[in-house]
Amino acid sequence: MSQLTNHQQYQQQINDFLAKQLDNLTVNDEKLLAAMRYGLLIGGKRMRPYLAYITGESLGAEQTDINAIAAALECIHAYSLLHDDLPAMDDDDLRRGKPTCHKAFDEATAILAGDALQTLAFDILANHTFSEKIQPKQIVLIQKLVTASGYQGMCGGQALDLSATGQIIDLAQLEKLHSLKTGALLEACVLMAAECSPQVTTQEKQVFKKYAQLVGLAYQVQDDIIDITSSEEELGKPKGSDLAANKSTYPALLGLQGAQDKAENLFQQALQALSCLPYNTQSLAEFATFIIKRSH
């Protein structure tokens, strides 16, 4: 599997930052706070924070600014997983090899924990002390997260996913679904980090956006591939869970080889986009490689 430069360092950095955010909360209901901590700190590769960090690194952004962006993005991601796992959604019992939040606690607590993590994301962005040059862009950062996580992004994509379950949809519909459900938040990782750089131009932001869209789609294609090619131990959840849930997937529409070819094509396009940028984008290229080489 491809190695990610400084991945462990950034993983520890965001874990420490997130733990501090929870530690700073006034304790009201201990059970709810425990569920929030369980959902946010249960583990995970922290791919979204990592993508924000390496984008910021390539553009010379301040680490303290990226910390808040990375944390807000991970809070949104964690809340979405808590809600996705619920019986009314994907009805999953395992997440990262451990009981899902509603199994470890109960459904009502898992719902509230997800709600609280969502608001924590915006709390972090609204109240973080950004560097002086970035402070005027604080509202822009919030707006980008709103777009990526709400009806026009992740939530809208999840709704399309639910409505498509048990239905036959074509490739264009599947790509739209995943560009919202998965891609929008990955795109926000790159574009929010780019806002923290005083040097990046509007045209360059468009190239970063294209890269993020391609990687976001490749991420989902590979997710569908490993859902049927990896073991339950590697996945941390039942193998073939998407097929068992009667969901449309890229291997189902294109065949396994066709899906693998599509992932490779998206990967090459992402690398081509990076080649147009006048920055050191080696880590971003490594990230794209990791996405299509991972097995879980």
C-alpha atoms as a PDB file:
ATOM      1  CA  MET A   1       0.000   0.000   0.000  1.00  0.00           C
ATOM      2  CA  SER A   2       1.179   3.498  -0.766  1.00  0.00           C
ATOM      3  CA  GLN A   3       2.678   5.382   2.186  1.00  0.00           C
ATOM      4  CA  LEU A   4       1.508   8.862   3.103  1.00  0.00           C
ATOM      5  CA  THR A   5       4.183  11.379   4.107  1.00  0.00           C
ATOM      6  CA  ASN A   6       3.721  12.676   7.674  1.00  0.00           C
ATOM      7  CA  HIS A   7       0.418  10.812   7.987  1.00  0.00           C
ATOM      8  CA  GLN A   8       1.011   9.626  11.542  1.00  0.00           C
ATOM      9  CA  GLN A   9       2.172  13.097  12.586  1.00  0.00           C
ATOM     10  CA  TYR A  10      -0.960  14.762  11.230  1.00  0.00           C
ATOM     11  CA  GLN A  11      -3.148  11.957  12.556  1.00  0.00           C
ATOM     12  CA  GLN A  12      -1.820  12.553  16.077  1.00  0.00           C
ATOM     13  CA  GLN A  13      -2.075  16.315  15.615  1.00  0.00           C
ATOM     14  CA  ILE A  14      -5.765  16.228  14.728  1.00  0.00           C
ATOM     15  CA  ASN A  15      -6.550  13.625  17.394  1.00  0.00           C
ATOM     16  CA  ASP A  16      -4.996  15.851  20.051  1.00  0.00           C
ATOM     17  CA  PHE A  17      -6.826  18.917  18.752  1.00  0.00           C
ATOM     18  CA  LEU A  18     -10.176  17.114  18.655  1.00  0.00           C
ATOM     19  CA  ALA A  19      -9.713  15.663  22.139  1.00  0.00           C
ATOM     20  CA  LYS A  20      -8.983  19.160  23.431  1.00  0.00           C
ATOM     21  CA  GLN A  21     -12.208  20.492  21.868  1.00  0.00           C
ATOM     22  CA  LEU A  22     -14.204  17.861  23.743  1.00  0.00           C
ATOM     23  CA  ASP A  23     -12.268  18.405  26.969  1.00  0.00           C
ATOM     24  CA  ASN A  24     -13.113  22.113  26.819  1.00  0.00           C
ATOM     25  CA  LEU A  25     -16.867  21.474  26.748  1.00  0.00           C
ATOM     26  CA  THR A  26     -18.828  22.108  29.922  1.00  0.00           C
ATOM     27  CA  VAL A  27     -20.194  18.752  31.067  1.00  0.00           C
ATOM     28  CA  ASN A  28     -23.980  18.660  30.993  1.00  0.00           C
ATOM     29  CA  ASP A  29     -25.017  15.122  30.145  1.00  0.00           C
ATOM     30  CA  GLU A  30     -22.124  12.724  30.694  1.00  0.00           C
ATOM     31  CA  LYS A  31     -23.619   9.972  28.529  1.00  0.00           C
ATOM     32  CA  LEU A  32     -23.997  12.268  25.521  1.00  0.00           C
ATOM     33  CA  LEU A  33     -20.446  13.568  25.869  1.00  0.00           C
ATOM     34  CA  ALA A  34     -19.176   9.979  26.120  1.00  0.00           C
ATOM     35  CA  ALA A  35     -21.042   9.105  22.907  1.00  0.00           C
ATOM     36  CA  MET A  36     -19.583  12.170  21.159  1.00  0.00           C
ATOM     37  CA  ARG A  37     -16.113  11.119  22.261  1.00  0.00           C
ATOM     38  CA  TYR A  38     -16.774   7.552  21.119  1.00  0.00           C
ATOM     39  CA  GLY A  39     -17.956   8.695  17.692  1.00  0.00           C
ATOM     40  CA  LEU A  40     -15.176  11.225  17.168  1.00  0.00           C
ATOM     41  CA  LEU A  41     -12.164   9.475  18.693  1.00  0.00           C
ATOM     42  CA  ILE A  42     -12.955   5.801  18.005  1.00  0.00           C
ATOM     43  CA  GLY A  43     -10.197   5.709  15.376  1.00  0.00           C
ATOM     44  CA  GLY A  44      -9.999   6.084  11.630  1.00  0.00           C
ATOM     45  CA  LYS A  45      -7.346   7.119   9.139  1.00  0.00           C
ATOM     46  CA  ARG A  46      -8.289  10.836   9.328  1.00  0.00           C
ATOM     47  CA  MET A  47      -8.119  11.126   5.550  1.00  0.00           C
ATOM     48  CA  ARG A  48     -10.086  14.397   5.404  1.00  0.00           C
ATOM     49  CA  PRO A  49      -7.914  16.217   7.938  1.00  0.00           C
ATOM     50  CA  TYR A  50      -4.824  14.804   6.255  1.00  0.00           C
ATOM     51  CA  LEU A  51      -5.947  16.144   2.881  1.00  0.00           C
ATOM     52  CA  ALA A  52      -6.502  19.583   4.415  1.00  0.00           C
ATOM     53  CA  TYR A  53      -3.075  19.511   6.073  1.00  0.00           C
ATOM     54  CA  ILE A  54      -1.139  18.533   2.953  1.00  0.00           C
ATOM     55  CA  THR A  55      -3.009  21.084   0.828  1.00  0.00           C
ATOM     56  CA  GLY A  56      -2.159  23.777   3.342  1.00  0.00           C
ATOM     57  CA  GLU A  57       1.417  22.542   3.482  1.00  0.00           C
ATOM     58  CA  SER A  58       1.794  22.789  -0.307  1.00  0.00           C
ATOM     59  CA  LEU A  59       0.545  26.385  -0.190  1.00  0.00           C
ATOM     60  CA  GLY A  60       2.487  27.580   2.855  1.00  0.00           C
ATOM     61  CA  ALA A  61      -0.592  28.014   5.062  1.00  0.00           C
ATOM     62  CA  GLU A  62      -0.304  28.338   8.841  1.00  0.00           C
ATOM     63  CA  GLN A  63      -0.731  25.023  10.692  1.00  0.00           C
ATOM     64  CA  THR A  64      -2.821  26.677  13.399  1.00  0.00           C
ATOM     65  CA  ASP A  65      -5.334  27.755  10.751  1.00  0.00           C
ATOM     66  CA  ILE A  66      -5.497  24.289   9.188  1.00  0.00           C
ATOM     67  CA  ASN A  67      -6.038  22.694  12.618  1.00  0.00           C
ATOM     68  CA  ALA A  68      -9.465  24.321  12.889  1.00  0.00           C
ATOM     69  CA  ILE A  69     -10.433  23.402   9.319  1.00  0.00           C
ATOM     70  CA  ALA A  70      -9.284  19.808   9.736  1.00  0.00           C
ATOM     71  CA  ALA A  71     -11.164  19.480  13.029  1.00  0.00           C
ATOM     72  CA  ALA A  72     -14.386  20.935  11.648  1.00  0.00           C
ATOM     73  CA  LEU A  73     -14.269  18.593   8.656  1.00  0.00           C
ATOM     74  CA  GLU A  74     -13.665  15.544  10.848  1.00  0.00           C
ATOM     75  CA  CYS A  75     -16.537  16.505  13.157  1.00  0.00           C
ATOM     76  CA  ILE A  76     -18.859  16.614  10.148  1.00  0.00           C
ATOM     77  CA  HIS A  77     -17.545  13.287   8.897  1.00  0.00           C
ATOM     78  CA  ALA A  78     -17.933  11.664  12.327  1.00  0.00           C
ATOM     79  CA  TYR A  79     -21.494  12.931  12.730  1.00  0.00           C
ATOM     80  CA  SER A  80     -22.392  11.586   9.290  1.00  0.00           C
ATOM     81  CA  LEU A  81     -21.080   8.131  10.214  1.00  0.00           C
ATOM     82  CA  LEU A  82     -23.066   8.047  13.457  1.00  0.00           C
ATOM     83  CA  HIS A  83     -26.238   8.845  11.540  1.00  0.00           C
ATOM     84  CA  ASP A  84     -25.423   6.621   8.536  1.00  0.00           C
ATOM     85  CA  ASP A  85     -25.049   3.609  10.822  1.00  0.00           C
ATOM     86  CA  LEU A  86     -28.524   4.020  12.355  1.00  0.00           C
ATOM     87  CA  PRO A  87     -31.262   1.437  11.630  1.00  0.00           C
ATOM     88  CA  ALA A  88     -33.193   4.059   9.653  1.00  0.00           C
ATOM     89  CA  MET A  89     -30.193   4.534   7.340  1.00  0.00           C
ATOM     90  CA  ASP A  90     -27.596   1.806   6.659  1.00  0.00           C
ATOM     91  CA  ASP A  91     -28.380  -0.227   9.800  1.00  0.00           C
ATOM     92  CA  ASP A  92     -24.767  -1.212  10.533  1.00  0.00           C
ATOM     93  CA  ASP A  93     -23.595  -2.917  13.730  1.00  0.00           C
ATOM     94  CA  LEU A  94     -19.858  -2.414  13.214  1.00  0.00           C
ATOM     95  CA  ARG A  95     -17.725   0.610  12.443  1.00  0.00           C
ATOM     96  CA  ARG A  96     -13.930   0.286  12.287  1.00  0.00           C
ATOM     97  CA  GLY A  97     -14.235  -3.135  13.861  1.00  0.00           C
ATOM     98  CA  LYS A  98     -16.106  -1.837  16.902  1.00  0.00           C
ATOM     99  CA  PRO A  99     -19.819  -1.574  17.769  1.00  0.00           C
ATOM    100  CA  THR A 100     -21.478   1.400  16.097  1.00  0.00           C
ATOM    101  CA  CYS A 101     -22.493   4.258  18.383  1.00  0.00           C
ATOM    102  CA  HIS A 102     -26.149   3.251  18.591  1.00  0.00           C
ATOM    103  CA  LYS A 103     -25.051  -0.251  19.596  1.00  0.00           C
ATOM    104  CA  ALA A 104     -22.522   0.962  22.155  1.00  0.00           C
ATOM    105  CA  PHE A 105     -25.067   3.416  23.600  1.00  0.00           C
ATOM    106  CA  ASP A 106     -28.589   3.615  22.125  1.00  0.00           C
ATOM    107  CA  GLU A 107     -30.291   5.113  19.080  1.00  0.00           C
ATOM    108  CA  ALA A 108     -31.456   8.338  20.714  1.00  0.00           C
ATOM    109  CA  THR A 109     -28.003   9.039  22.149  1.00  0.00           C
ATOM    110  CA  ALA A 110     -26.332   8.296  18.793  1.00  0.00           C
ATOM    111  CA  ILE A 111     -28.663  10.759  17.050  1.00  0.00           C
ATOM    112  CA  LEU A 112     -27.947  13.463  19.628  1.00  0.00           C
ATOM    113  CA  ALA A 113     -24.206  12.761  19.501  1.00  0.00           C
ATOM    114  CA  GLY A 114     -24.277  13.227  15.735  1.00  0.00           C
ATOM    115  CA  ASP A 115     -26.245  16.460  16.098  1.00  0.00           C
ATOM    116  CA  ALA A 116     -23.798  17.751  18.695  1.00  0.00           C
ATOM    117  CA  LEU A 117     -20.743  16.891  16.586  1.00  0.00           C
ATOM    118  CA  GLN A 118     -22.261  18.706  13.623  1.00  0.00           C
ATOM    119  CA  THR A 119     -22.732  21.895  15.639  1.00  0.00           C
ATOM    120  CA  LEU A 120     -19.263  21.464  17.159  1.00  0.00           C
ATOM    121  CA  ALA A 121     -17.812  21.703  13.647  1.00  0.00           C
ATOM    122  CA  PHE A 122     -19.266  25.165  13.145  1.00  0.00           C
ATOM    123  CA  ASP A 123     -18.441  26.150  16.730  1.00  0.00           C
ATOM    124  CA  ILE A 124     -14.775  25.422  15.994  1.00  0.00           C
ATOM    125  CA  LEU A 125     -14.739  27.500  12.804  1.00  0.00           C
ATOM    126  CA  ALA A 126     -16.675  30.383  14.346  1.00  0.00           C
ATOM    127  CA  ASN A 127     -14.583  30.668  17.519  1.00  0.00           C
ATOM    128  CA  HIS A 128     -11.078  29.617  16.475  1.00  0.00           C
ATOM    129  CA  THR A 129      -8.418  32.327  16.579  1.00  0.00           C
ATOM    130  CA  PHE A 130      -7.278  32.346  12.967  1.00  0.00           C
ATOM    131  CA  SER A 131      -4.134  34.191  11.864  1.00  0.00           C
ATOM    132  CA  GLU A 132      -4.655  37.843  11.097  1.00  0.00           C
ATOM    133  CA  LYS A 133      -4.703  37.481   7.295  1.00  0.00           C
ATOM    134  CA  ILE A 134      -7.259  34.676   7.451  1.00  0.00           C
ATOM    135  CA  GLN A 135      -9.703  36.255   9.915  1.00  0.00           C
ATOM    136  CA  PRO A 136     -11.550  38.175   7.134  1.00  0.00           C
ATOM    137  CA  LYS A 137     -12.137  34.824   5.402  1.00  0.00           C
ATOM    138  CA  GLN A 138     -13.675  33.139   8.434  1.00  0.00           C
ATOM    139  CA  ILE A 139     -17.217  33.484   7.097  1.00  0.00           C
ATOM    140  CA  VAL A 140     -16.067  32.088   3.727  1.00  0.00           C
ATOM    141  CA  LEU A 141     -14.733  28.995   5.477  1.00  0.00           C
ATOM    142  CA  ILE A 142     -18.049  28.512   7.279  1.00  0.00           C
ATOM    143  CA  GLN A 143     -19.954  28.987   4.014  1.00  0.00           C
ATOM    144  CA  LYS A 144     -17.834  26.327   2.282  1.00  0.00           C
ATOM    145  CA  LEU A 145     -18.487  23.839   5.055  1.00  0.00           C
ATOM    146  CA  VAL A 146     -22.213  24.597   4.936  1.00  0.00           C
ATOM    147  CA  THR A 147     -22.305  23.903   1.204  1.00  0.00           C
ATOM    148  CA  ALA A 148     -20.265  20.708   1.518  1.00  0.00           C
ATOM    149  CA  SER A 149     -22.191  19.208   4.411  1.00  0.00           C
ATOM    150  CA  GLY A 150     -25.811  20.269   3.880  1.00  0.00           C
ATOM    151  CA  TYR A 151     -28.537  19.787   1.302  1.00  0.00           C
ATOM    152  CA  GLN A 152     -26.245  20.830  -1.575  1.00  0.00           C
ATOM    153  CA  GLY A 153     -23.556  18.411  -0.438  1.00  0.00           C
ATOM    154  CA  MET A 154     -23.260  15.409   1.835  1.00  0.00           C
ATOM    155  CA  CYS A 155     -26.836  15.325   3.184  1.00  0.00           C
ATOM    156  CA  GLY A 156     -28.270  15.710  -0.300  1.00  0.00           C
ATOM    157  CA  GLY A 157     -26.056  12.886  -1.516  1.00  0.00           C
ATOM    158  CA  GLN A 158     -27.160  10.633   1.327  1.00  0.00           C
ATOM    159  CA  ALA A 159     -30.797  11.317   0.432  1.00  0.00           C
ATOM    160  CA  LEU A 160     -30.089  10.348  -3.187  1.00  0.00           C
ATOM    161  CA  ASP A 161     -28.348   7.208  -1.932  1.00  0.00           C
ATOM    162  CA  LEU A 162     -31.361   6.201   0.157  1.00  0.00           C
ATOM    163  CA  SER A 163     -33.803   6.824  -2.684  1.00  0.00           C
ATOM    164  CA  ALA A 164     -31.613   4.820  -5.090  1.00  0.00           C
ATOM    165  CA  THR A 165     -31.517   1.762  -2.825  1.00  0.00           C
ATOM    166  CA  GLY A 166     -33.269  -1.088  -4.574  1.00  0.00           C
ATOM    167  CA  GLN A 167     -33.479   0.966  -7.782  1.00  0.00           C
ATOM    168  CA  ILE A 168     -31.529   0.721 -11.011  1.00  0.00           C
ATOM    169  CA  ILE A 169     -29.676   3.974 -11.667  1.00  0.00           C
ATOM    170  CA  ASP A 170     -27.257   4.815 -14.447  1.00  0.00           C
ATOM    171  CA  LEU A 171     -23.607   5.850 -14.193  1.00  0.00           C
ATOM    172  CA  ALA A 172     -24.339   9.601 -14.404  1.00  0.00           C
ATOM    173  CA  GLN A 173     -26.813   9.360 -11.524  1.00  0.00           C
ATOM    174  CA  LEU A 174     -24.364   7.306  -9.459  1.00  0.00           C
ATOM    175  CA  GLU A 175     -21.594   9.854 -10.032  1.00  0.00           C
ATOM    176  CA  LYS A 176     -23.872  12.725  -9.025  1.00  0.00           C
ATOM    177  CA  LEU A 177     -24.879  10.840  -5.881  1.00  0.00           C
ATOM    178  CA  HIS A 178     -21.281  10.271  -4.832  1.00  0.00           C
ATOM    179  CA  SER A 179     -20.026  13.711  -5.878  1.00  0.00           C
ATOM    180  CA  LEU A 180     -22.391  15.014  -3.197  1.00  0.00           C
ATOM    181  CA  LYS A 181     -22.290  12.267  -0.580  1.00  0.00           C
ATOM    182  CA  THR A 182     -18.513  11.715  -0.545  1.00  0.00           C
ATOM    183  CA  GLY A 183     -16.891  14.177  -2.926  1.00  0.00           C
ATOM    184  CA  ALA A 184     -18.280  17.429  -1.528  1.00  0.00           C
ATOM    185  CA  LEU A 185     -16.543  17.052   1.826  1.00  0.00           C
ATOM    186  CA  LEU A 186     -13.244  15.984   0.234  1.00  0.00           C
ATOM    187  CA  GLU A 187     -13.499  18.990  -2.074  1.00  0.00           C
ATOM    188  CA  ALA A 188     -14.019  21.210   0.972  1.00  0.00           C
ATOM    189  CA  CYS A 189     -10.817  19.820   2.523  1.00  0.00           C
ATOM    190  CA  VAL A 190      -8.827  21.197  -0.390  1.00  0.00           C
ATOM    191  CA  LEU A 191     -10.710  24.443  -1.013  1.00  0.00           C
ATOM    192  CA  MET A 192     -10.957  25.473   2.652  1.00  0.00           C
ATOM    193  CA  ALA A 193      -7.231  24.877   3.082  1.00  0.00           C
ATOM    194  CA  ALA A 194      -6.562  26.895  -0.088  1.00  0.00           C
ATOM    195  CA  GLU A 195      -8.441  29.831   1.447  1.00  0.00           C
ATOM    196  CA  CYS A 196      -5.770  29.916   4.146  1.00  0.00           C
ATOM    197  CA  SER A 197      -3.037  30.741   1.644  1.00  0.00           C
ATOM    198  CA  PRO A 198      -2.503  34.355   0.596  1.00  0.00           C
ATOM    199  CA  GLN A 199      -0.672  33.330  -2.576  1.00  0.00           C
ATOM    200  CA  VAL A 200      -3.101  30.998  -4.372  1.00  0.00           C
ATOM    201  CA  THR A 201      -4.947  32.549  -7.324  1.00  0.00           C
ATOM    202  CA  THR A 202      -8.572  32.096  -8.351  1.00  0.00           C
ATOM    203  CA  GLN A 203      -7.470  30.084 -11.390  1.00  0.00           C
ATOM    204  CA  GLU A 204      -5.294  27.835  -9.226  1.00  0.00           C
ATOM    205  CA  LYS A 205      -8.209  27.249  -6.864  1.00  0.00           C
ATOM    206  CA  GLN A 206     -10.160  25.899  -9.820  1.00  0.00           C
ATOM    207  CA  VAL A 207      -7.361  23.413 -10.533  1.00  0.00           C
ATOM    208  CA  PHE A 208      -7.328  22.351  -6.884  1.00  0.00           C
ATOM    209  CA  LYS A 209     -11.098  21.932  -7.101  1.00  0.00           C
ATOM    210  CA  LYS A 210     -10.786  19.705 -10.181  1.00  0.00           C
ATOM    211  CA  TYR A 211      -8.157  17.577  -8.430  1.00  0.00           C
ATOM    212  CA  ALA A 212     -10.405  17.216  -5.375  1.00  0.00           C
ATOM    213  CA  GLN A 213     -13.423  16.246  -7.482  1.00  0.00           C
ATOM    214  CA  LEU A 214     -11.444  13.555  -9.290  1.00  0.00           C
ATOM    215  CA  VAL A 215      -9.962  12.187  -6.071  1.00  0.00           C
ATOM    216  CA  GLY A 216     -13.362  12.276  -4.388  1.00  0.00           C
ATOM    217  CA  LEU A 217     -14.895  10.176  -7.137  1.00  0.00           C
ATOM    218  CA  ALA A 218     -11.908   7.804  -7.195  1.00  0.00           C
ATOM    219  CA  TYR A 219     -12.301   7.409  -3.422  1.00  0.00           C
ATOM    220  CA  GLN A 220     -15.863   6.151  -3.846  1.00  0.00           C
ATOM    221  CA  VAL A 221     -15.065   3.898  -6.807  1.00  0.00           C
ATOM    222  CA  GLN A 222     -12.309   2.273  -4.752  1.00  0.00           C
ATOM    223  CA  ASP A 223     -14.645   2.013  -1.748  1.00  0.00           C
ATOM    224  CA  ASP A 224     -17.066   0.023  -3.897  1.00  0.00           C
ATOM    225  CA  ILE A 225     -14.246  -2.180  -5.151  1.00  0.00           C
ATOM    226  CA  ILE A 226     -12.847  -3.035  -1.723  1.00  0.00           C
ATOM    227  CA  ASP A 227     -16.362  -3.689  -0.385  1.00  0.00           C
ATOM    228  CA  ILE A 228     -16.304  -6.875  -2.450  1.00  0.00           C
ATOM    229  CA  THR A 229     -12.567  -7.656  -2.661  1.00  0.00           C
ATOM    230  CA  SER A 230     -11.382  -7.127   0.942  1.00  0.00           C
ATOM    231  CA  SER A 231     -11.995  -9.257   4.016  1.00  0.00           C
ATOM    232  CA  GLU A 232     -14.335  -8.364   6.852  1.00  0.00           C
ATOM    233  CA  GLU A 233     -11.271  -8.032   9.090  1.00  0.00           C
ATOM    234  CA  GLU A 234      -9.733  -5.443   6.754  1.00  0.00           C
ATOM    235  CA  LEU A 235     -12.996  -3.561   6.315  1.00  0.00           C
ATOM    236  CA  GLY A 236     -14.033  -3.513   9.959  1.00  0.00           C
ATOM    237  CA  LYS A 237     -17.586  -4.279   8.814  1.00  0.00           C
ATOM    238  CA  PRO A 238     -19.357  -7.082   6.914  1.00  0.00           C
ATOM    239  CA  LYS A 239     -17.941  -7.759   3.438  1.00  0.00           C
ATOM    240  CA  GLY A 240     -20.279  -6.895   0.568  1.00  0.00           C
ATOM    241  CA  SER A 241     -22.518  -4.787   2.792  1.00  0.00           C
ATOM    242  CA  ASP A 242     -23.421  -2.397  -0.035  1.00  0.00           C
ATOM    243  CA  LEU A 243     -24.477  -5.234  -2.337  1.00  0.00           C
ATOM    244  CA  ALA A 244     -26.389  -6.879   0.502  1.00  0.00           C
ATOM    245  CA  ALA A 245     -28.229  -3.597   1.023  1.00  0.00           C
ATOM    246  CA  ASN A 246     -29.159  -3.608  -2.685  1.00  0.00           C
ATOM    247  CA  LYS A 247     -27.256  -0.407  -3.446  1.00  0.00           C
ATOM    248  CA  SER A 248     -25.936   0.625  -6.834  1.00  0.00           C
ATOM    249  CA  THR A 249     -22.150   0.401  -7.010  1.00  0.00           C
ATOM    250  CA  TYR A 250     -19.510   0.925  -9.689  1.00  0.00           C
ATOM    251  CA  PRO A 251     -18.626  -2.796  -9.898  1.00  0.00           C
ATOM    252  CA  ALA A 252     -22.332  -3.585 -10.249  1.00  0.00           C
ATOM    253  CA  LEU A 253     -22.663  -1.155 -13.165  1.00  0.00           C
ATOM    254  CA  LEU A 254     -19.256  -1.572 -14.799  1.00  0.00           C
ATOM    255  CA  GLY A 255     -18.056  -4.956 -13.605  1.00  0.00           C
ATOM    256  CA  LEU A 256     -15.048  -5.300 -11.303  1.00  0.00           C
ATOM    257  CA  GLN A 257     -12.477  -4.722 -14.062  1.00  0.00           C
ATOM    258  CA  GLY A 258     -14.446  -1.776 -15.421  1.00  0.00           C
ATOM    259  CA  ALA A 259     -14.569  -0.200 -11.972  1.00  0.00           C
ATOM    260  CA  GLN A 260     -10.836  -0.722 -11.527  1.00  0.00           C
ATOM    261  CA  ASP A 261     -10.186   0.869 -14.932  1.00  0.00           C
ATOM    262  CA  LYS A 262     -12.352   3.842 -13.965  1.00  0.00           C
ATOM    263  CA  ALA A 263     -10.448   4.331 -10.711  1.00  0.00           C
ATOM    264  CA  GLU A 264      -7.159   4.292 -12.616  1.00  0.00           C
ATOM    265  CA  ASN A 265      -8.469   6.809 -15.159  1.00  0.00           C
ATOM    266  CA  LEU A 266      -9.621   9.180 -12.421  1.00  0.00           C
ATOM    267  CA  PHE A 267      -6.240   8.819 -10.741  1.00  0.00           C
ATOM    268  CA  GLN A 268      -4.360   9.762 -13.910  1.00  0.00           C
ATOM    269  CA  GLN A 269      -6.608  12.783 -14.444  1.00  0.00           C
ATOM    270  CA  ALA A 270      -5.961  13.915 -10.866  1.00  0.00           C
ATOM    271  CA  LEU A 271      -2.196  13.707 -11.404  1.00  0.00           C
ATOM    272  CA  GLN A 272      -2.556  15.669 -14.635  1.00  0.00           C
ATOM    273  CA  ALA A 273      -4.425  18.425 -12.786  1.00  0.00           C
ATOM    274  CA  LEU A 274      -1.662  18.651 -10.178  1.00  0.00           C
ATOM    275  CA  SER A 275       0.960  19.002 -12.910  1.00  0.00           C
ATOM    276  CA  CYS A 276      -0.611  22.349 -13.833  1.00  0.00           C
ATOM    277  CA  LEU A 277       0.121  23.861 -10.403  1.00  0.00           C
ATOM    278  CA  PRO A 278       3.334  25.780  -9.553  1.00  0.00           C
ATOM    279  CA  TYR A 279       3.614  24.240  -6.069  1.00  0.00           C
ATOM    280  CA  ASN A 280       5.151  21.171  -4.474  1.00  0.00           C
ATOM    281  CA  THR A 281       2.196  18.811  -4.772  1.00  0.00           C
ATOM    282  CA  GLN A 282       4.057  15.551  -4.126  1.00  0.00           C
ATOM    283  CA  SER A 283       1.993  14.783  -1.016  1.00  0.00           C
ATOM    284  CA  LEU A 284      -1.232  15.393  -2.934  1.00  0.00           C
ATOM    285  CA  ALA A 285      -0.042  12.989  -5.637  1.00  0.00           C
ATOM    286  CA  GLU A 286       0.771  10.425  -2.920  1.00  0.00           C
ATOM    287  CA  PHE A 287      -2.720  10.902  -1.509  1.00  0.00           C
ATOM    288  CA  ALA A 288      -4.299  10.162  -4.883  1.00  0.00           C
ATOM    289  CA  THR A 289      -2.113   7.052  -5.173  1.00  0.00           C
ATOM    290  CA  PHE A 290      -3.135   5.904  -1.707  1.00  0.00           C
ATOM    291  CA  ILE A 291      -6.826   6.285  -2.578  1.00  0.00           C
ATOM    292  CA  ILE A 292      -6.737   3.775  -5.436  1.00  0.00           C
ATOM    293  CA  LYS A 293      -4.213   1.382  -3.874  1.00  0.00           C
ATOM    294  CA  ARG A 294      -5.833   0.959  -0.445  1.00  0.00           C
ATOM    295  CA  SER A 295      -7.542  -2.286   0.500  1.00  0.00           C
ATOM    296  CA  HIS A 296      -9.676  -0.963   3.365  1.00  0.00           C
END
